[in-house]
Protein backbone atom coordinates (compact mmCIF):
# COMPACT_ATOMS: atom_id res chain seq x y z
CA MET A 1 118.62 176.28 61.81
CA GLU A 2 119.07 172.80 60.31
CA ALA A 3 116.20 171.34 58.30
CA GLY A 4 114.64 168.57 60.37
CA SER A 5 115.97 169.98 63.64
CA PRO A 6 113.43 170.33 66.48
CA LEU A 7 113.40 174.11 66.13
CA ALA A 8 112.83 173.82 62.36
CA VAL A 9 109.87 171.54 63.06
CA TYR A 10 108.35 174.06 65.46
CA ALA A 11 109.07 176.91 63.03
CA LYS A 12 106.96 175.09 60.42
CA TYR A 13 103.93 175.50 62.72
CA GLY A 14 105.09 178.79 64.22
CA ALA A 15 102.55 181.35 65.28
CA ARG A 16 102.23 184.21 67.71
CA ASN A 17 99.36 184.77 70.11
CA VAL A 18 98.31 181.13 69.90
CA ASP A 19 96.33 181.67 73.11
CA LYS A 20 93.98 183.95 71.12
CA LYS A 21 93.44 181.61 68.14
CA LYS A 22 90.30 179.56 67.61
CA GLY A 23 90.31 175.90 66.66
CA PRO A 24 89.96 173.18 66.13
CA ALA A 25 93.72 172.97 66.59
CA ILE A 26 96.49 171.46 68.64
CA ALA A 27 99.02 173.86 70.04
CA VAL A 28 102.34 173.37 71.75
CA PHE A 29 104.13 176.02 73.78
CA TYR A 30 107.87 175.37 73.92
CA SER A 31 111.26 176.80 74.79
CA PRO A 32 114.23 176.56 72.41
CA THR A 33 116.47 175.56 75.33
CA CYS A 34 114.20 172.78 76.64
CA GLY A 35 115.47 169.24 76.05
CA HIS A 36 111.99 167.74 76.48
CA CYS A 37 110.68 170.18 73.86
CA HIS A 38 113.38 169.06 71.44
CA ASN A 39 112.45 165.42 72.07
CA PHE A 40 108.74 166.13 71.52
CA ALA A 41 109.14 168.00 68.19
CA ALA A 42 109.05 164.87 66.00
CA GLU A 43 105.97 163.54 67.84
CA PHE A 44 104.21 166.91 67.47
CA ASP A 45 105.00 166.87 63.75
CA LYS A 46 103.57 163.33 63.47
CA ALA A 47 100.34 164.38 65.21
CA ALA A 48 100.01 167.56 63.12
CA LYS A 49 100.34 165.61 59.86
CA LYS A 50 97.69 163.08 60.95
CA LEU A 51 95.26 165.82 61.98
CA LYS A 52 95.70 167.99 58.89
CA GLY A 53 93.36 165.75 56.87
CA LYS A 54 90.74 166.03 59.62
CA GLY A 55 90.59 169.82 59.48
CA ILE A 56 92.52 170.31 62.72
CA LYS A 57 95.30 172.88 62.54
CA ALA A 58 98.60 172.81 64.42
CA TYR A 59 100.40 175.72 66.05
CA ALA A 60 103.69 176.04 67.90
CA GLN A 61 104.70 179.05 69.96
CA GLY A 62 108.02 179.75 71.59
CA PRO A 63 108.85 182.62 73.93
CA PRO A 64 107.36 184.93 74.98
CA LEU A 65 104.79 182.50 76.37
CA PRO A 66 101.33 183.33 77.77
CA ASP A 67 101.03 183.58 81.56
CA PHE A 68 99.07 180.33 81.90
CA VAL A 69 101.99 178.25 80.57
CA ARG A 70 103.76 176.93 83.66
CA TYR A 71 105.91 174.22 82.02
CA VAL A 72 107.10 173.23 78.57
CA PRO A 73 106.31 171.52 76.35
CA HIS A 74 102.72 172.50 77.15
CA LEU A 75 100.26 170.84 74.76
CA VAL A 76 96.60 171.78 74.36
CA PHE A 77 93.63 171.16 72.10
CA VAL A 78 91.99 174.46 71.12
CA ASP A 79 88.26 174.19 70.47
CA LYS A 80 86.29 176.38 68.05
CA SER A 81 85.51 178.90 70.80
CA GLY A 82 89.23 179.26 71.63
CA LYS A 83 89.08 177.34 74.92
CA HIS A 84 92.15 175.26 75.73
CA HIS A 85 91.93 171.63 76.84
CA GLN A 86 95.19 170.19 78.14
CA ILE A 87 96.54 167.03 76.48
CA GLN A 88 98.61 164.79 78.75
CA SER A 89 100.57 162.76 76.20
CA ARG A 90 103.88 162.99 74.41
CA ASP A 91 103.15 160.28 71.83
CA GLY A 92 102.25 161.68 68.39
CA ASN A 93 99.74 158.96 67.51
CA GLN A 94 98.01 159.29 70.86
CA VAL A 95 97.95 163.10 70.62
CA ALA A 96 96.33 162.90 67.17
CA GLU A 97 93.74 160.41 68.39
CA MET A 98 92.92 162.42 71.52
CA ALA A 99 92.58 165.69 69.55
CA ALA A 100 90.34 164.05 66.93
CA ASP A 101 88.17 162.57 69.69
CA MET A 102 87.92 165.92 71.52
CA ASN A 103 86.97 167.67 68.29
CA LYS A 104 84.29 165.07 67.55
CA MET A 105 82.95 165.20 71.11
CA LEU A 106 82.76 169.01 71.12
CA LYS A 107 80.89 168.93 67.80
CA GLY A 108 78.36 166.54 69.35
CA GLY A 109 79.53 163.55 67.31
CA PHE A 110 79.53 161.04 70.16
CA LYS A 111 76.30 159.28 71.03
CA SER A 112 75.33 158.77 74.66
CA LEU A 113 75.26 155.28 76.05
């Protein structure tokens, strides 16, 4: 595996049983043969680096995938109770911002209008 290759990026955050981990964290479920997963690796790495300083971990899991994963890359925010919240973005900056906002909201950091 080449350093800097998409699979090397995912290996850096590699974990098993991500569906059982507690957050706050972002997690991506991927397949080594998926072109979209390869394209998303650099953006996932960008988001993970931005979130590290905010206390939000990053996990990547390849096959075998949990039953709830119907497509890849499948990106979620994992809250402190372990519940998954789907993230619909493939832009690293946007993913980091959305995850930070979700974490803040779930901690009660947003004020009502």
